[in-house]
């Protein structure tokens, strides 16, 4: 019950911060230009106008990133999903065993797919798929906003079996009806 209350409280707080309006500029109110210091990519979802929300469990934060990918497309470019992991690993110059696909989200405006990948060394990469093309989505020199989650597990917190639980601070995020909803452990 505590986790449900926590999740609902976080959802309400973030929804107020990222409340959707019909105006393009109002959605970006409070955004800054610079480097979005994302430590992990636990979950992805899109809001309006190509705004990508990134759930970062390590920093117990949610980032709103202006992808500037807001050209409306009626039909998505076909993407071959067979052996997608090999295509992504190849684009990163590694092998499939060295990557973990954490999440993916489709931009409802441009129909492009954004993929969160964790490399074996613990680093994270955000990629964009367009047909056969795999490109890196930079987190430097971007327009973004960030909100930190209150009551997230401490960075060194462990469960009863001694396993770290901070990475469960954000298990999923979703955007609907002008509200960002976040679930995770407190």
Protein backbone atom coordinates (compact mmCIF):
# COMPACT_ATOMS: atom_id res chain seq x y z
CA UNK A 1 0.00 0.00 0.00
CA UNK A 2 2.91 2.33 0.78
CA UNK A 3 4.30 1.80 -2.73
CA UNK A 4 0.92 2.57 -4.32
CA UNK A 5 0.58 5.75 -2.27
CA UNK A 6 4.15 6.69 -3.17
CA UNK A 7 3.52 6.05 -6.87
CA UNK A 8 0.34 8.10 -6.89
CA UNK A 9 2.01 10.94 -5.01
CA UNK A 10 4.91 11.01 -7.45
CA UNK A 11 2.51 10.90 -10.41
CA UNK A 12 0.58 13.86 -9.06
CA UNK A 13 3.72 15.91 -8.37
CA UNK A 14 5.20 15.26 -11.80
CA UNK A 15 1.87 15.84 -13.52
CA UNK A 16 1.68 19.28 -11.98
CA UNK A 17 5.24 20.06 -13.09
CA UNK A 18 4.79 18.77 -16.64
CA UNK A 19 1.12 19.68 -17.10
CA UNK A 20 0.21 19.59 -20.76
CA UNK A 21 -1.27 22.50 -22.61
CA UNK A 22 -2.09 23.08 -26.24
CA UNK A 23 0.71 25.61 -26.62
CA UNK A 24 4.11 24.39 -27.79
CA UNK A 25 6.05 26.92 -25.68
CA UNK A 26 4.07 26.26 -22.50
CA UNK A 27 5.08 22.59 -22.55
CA UNK A 28 8.72 23.66 -22.52
CA UNK A 29 8.35 26.17 -19.70
CA UNK A 30 11.09 25.57 -17.14
CA UNK A 31 13.37 23.80 -19.62
CA UNK A 32 17.06 24.69 -19.63
CA UNK A 33 19.72 24.21 -22.30
CA UNK A 34 22.73 22.11 -21.42
CA UNK A 35 23.68 18.54 -20.61
CA UNK A 36 21.04 16.22 -19.17
CA UNK A 37 23.10 14.16 -16.73
CA UNK A 38 21.14 10.93 -17.02
CA UNK A 39 22.79 8.19 -14.93
CA UNK A 40 20.50 5.34 -16.00
CA UNK A 41 17.57 4.88 -18.33
CA UNK A 42 14.98 2.74 -16.57
CA UNK A 43 11.89 3.74 -18.54
CA UNK A 44 10.82 5.86 -21.53
CA UNK A 45 7.57 7.44 -22.66
CA UNK A 46 6.52 10.31 -24.88
CA UNK A 47 4.39 13.33 -24.11
CA UNK A 48 3.13 15.85 -26.64
CA UNK A 49 5.26 17.59 -29.28
CA UNK A 50 8.12 15.08 -29.19
CA UNK A 51 8.90 15.51 -25.50
CA UNK A 52 10.61 12.32 -24.30
CA UNK A 53 10.35 11.46 -20.60
CA UNK A 54 13.26 9.44 -19.24
CA UNK A 55 12.94 7.65 -15.91
CA UNK A 56 16.38 7.55 -14.24
CA UNK A 57 16.41 5.22 -11.24
CA UNK A 58 20.05 5.83 -10.29
CA UNK A 59 19.48 9.54 -9.80
CA UNK A 60 15.84 9.02 -8.73
CA UNK A 61 14.78 11.59 -11.32
CA UNK A 62 12.57 12.01 -14.35
CA UNK A 63 13.96 14.02 -17.26
CA UNK A 64 11.82 15.69 -19.92
CA UNK A 65 13.89 15.98 -23.09
CA UNK A 66 12.93 18.11 -26.07
CA UNK A 67 13.86 15.78 -28.93
CA UNK A 68 12.91 18.43 -31.50
CA UNK A 69 11.44 15.43 -33.32
CA UNK A 70 8.00 16.96 -33.83
CA UNK A 71 7.37 16.70 -37.58
CA UNK A 72 4.02 14.96 -37.89
CA UNK A 73 4.04 11.77 -39.94
CA UNK A 74 0.90 9.83 -40.79
CA UNK A 75 2.60 6.52 -41.54
CA UNK A 76 5.66 5.05 -39.83
CA UNK A 77 8.69 3.90 -41.79
CA UNK A 78 8.90 0.11 -41.76
CA UNK A 79 11.49 -1.30 -39.38
CA UNK A 80 12.72 -4.88 -39.45
CA UNK A 81 12.60 -5.99 -35.83
CA UNK A 82 14.11 -9.39 -36.53
CA UNK A 83 17.55 -9.39 -34.92
CA UNK A 84 17.09 -5.79 -33.77
CA UNK A 85 19.50 -6.47 -30.93
CA UNK A 86 22.23 -7.38 -33.45
CA UNK A 87 21.56 -4.21 -35.45
CA UNK A 88 21.82 -2.10 -32.29
CA UNK A 89 24.95 -3.90 -31.06
CA UNK A 90 26.55 -3.45 -34.49
CA UNK A 91 25.77 0.27 -34.50
CA UNK A 92 27.44 0.53 -31.09
CA UNK A 93 30.48 -1.46 -32.25
CA UNK A 94 29.91 -4.36 -29.90
CA UNK A 95 28.18 -7.75 -29.70
CA UNK A 96 24.69 -8.64 -28.49
CA UNK A 97 25.99 -10.16 -25.26
CA UNK A 98 27.33 -6.73 -24.25
CA UNK A 99 24.01 -4.85 -24.45
CA UNK A 100 20.68 -4.87 -22.67
CA UNK A 101 17.69 -3.16 -24.21
CA UNK A 102 16.06 -1.42 -21.23
CA UNK A 103 12.99 0.10 -22.88
CA UNK A 104 11.68 1.58 -26.07
CA UNK A 105 9.06 4.17 -26.93
CA UNK A 106 7.49 5.32 -30.18
CA UNK A 107 7.21 9.05 -30.75
CA UNK A 108 3.48 9.48 -31.55
CA UNK A 109 4.24 12.51 -33.72
CA UNK A 110 7.16 11.34 -35.89
CA UNK A 111 6.56 7.58 -35.46
CA UNK A 112 10.29 7.07 -34.80
CA UNK A 113 11.38 4.52 -32.21
CA UNK A 114 13.61 5.54 -29.31
CA UNK A 115 15.55 2.78 -27.56
CA UNK A 116 17.30 2.84 -24.17
CA UNK A 117 20.33 0.54 -24.14
CA UNK A 118 22.62 -0.34 -21.26
CA UNK A 119 26.12 -1.50 -22.13
CA UNK A 120 27.99 -4.16 -20.20
CA UNK A 121 30.17 -1.50 -18.53
CA UNK A 122 27.03 0.10 -17.03
CA UNK A 123 26.90 3.09 -19.37
CA UNK A 124 23.65 4.00 -21.08
CA UNK A 125 22.87 5.04 -24.62
CA UNK A 126 19.71 6.53 -26.08
CA UNK A 127 19.18 5.61 -29.73
CA UNK A 128 16.68 6.54 -32.43
CA UNK A 129 15.56 4.07 -35.11
CA UNK A 130 14.46 5.32 -38.53
CA UNK A 131 13.99 2.48 -40.98
CA UNK A 132 17.41 0.76 -41.17
CA UNK A 133 19.20 3.74 -39.64
CA UNK A 134 20.31 3.71 -35.96
CA UNK A 135 21.43 7.08 -34.58
CA UNK A 136 22.60 8.25 -31.18
CA UNK A 137 20.36 10.74 -29.37
CA UNK A 138 22.68 13.23 -27.68
CA UNK A 139 22.10 14.34 -24.10
CA UNK A 140 24.55 17.26 -24.44
CA UNK A 141 23.47 20.69 -25.65
CA UNK A 142 19.78 19.81 -25.37
CA UNK A 143 16.70 21.48 -23.95
CA UNK A 144 15.48 19.56 -20.90
CA UNK A 145 13.87 19.70 -17.50
CA UNK A 146 14.33 17.39 -14.53
CA UNK A 147 12.45 16.62 -11.34
CA UNK A 148 13.83 14.51 -8.48
CA UNK A 149 11.65 11.91 -6.82
CA UNK A 150 11.18 12.24 -3.09
CA UNK A 151 11.37 9.18 -0.83
CA UNK A 152 13.27 7.04 -3.34
CA UNK A 153 15.28 4.15 -1.88
CA UNK A 154 18.76 5.20 -0.76
CA UNK A 155 21.54 4.49 -3.24
CA UNK A 156 22.96 1.79 -0.96
CA UNK A 157 19.58 0.30 0.12
CA UNK A 158 19.25 -3.47 -0.17
CA UNK A 159 16.35 -5.91 0.01
CA UNK A 160 16.13 -8.84 2.45
CA UNK A 161 18.44 -10.90 0.24
CA UNK A 162 21.06 -8.17 0.04
CA UNK A 163 20.25 -7.08 -3.53
CA UNK A 164 20.32 -3.37 -4.35
CA UNK A 165 16.85 -1.84 -4.75
CA UNK A 166 17.65 1.68 -5.99
CA UNK A 167 17.27 0.52 -9.61
CA UNK A 168 13.60 -0.14 -8.80
CA UNK A 169 12.97 3.50 -7.86
CA UNK A 170 11.32 3.89 -11.28
CA UNK A 171 9.84 0.78 -12.80
CA UNK A 172 7.67 2.41 -15.47
CA UNK A 173 6.35 5.76 -16.68
CA UNK A 174 3.42 6.72 -18.85
CA UNK A 175 1.84 9.90 -20.18
CA UNK A 176 -1.93 10.27 -20.62
CA UNK A 177 -4.46 13.07 -20.42
CA UNK A 178 -1.76 15.67 -19.75
CA UNK A 179 -0.29 13.76 -16.80
CA UNK A 180 2.94 11.85 -16.32
CA UNK A 181 2.55 8.76 -14.16
CA UNK A 182 5.52 7.11 -12.48
CA UNK A 183 5.63 3.77 -10.66
CA UNK A 184 8.44 2.42 -8.50
CA UNK A 185 9.61 1.60 -5.01
CA UNK A 186 9.96 4.01 -2.12
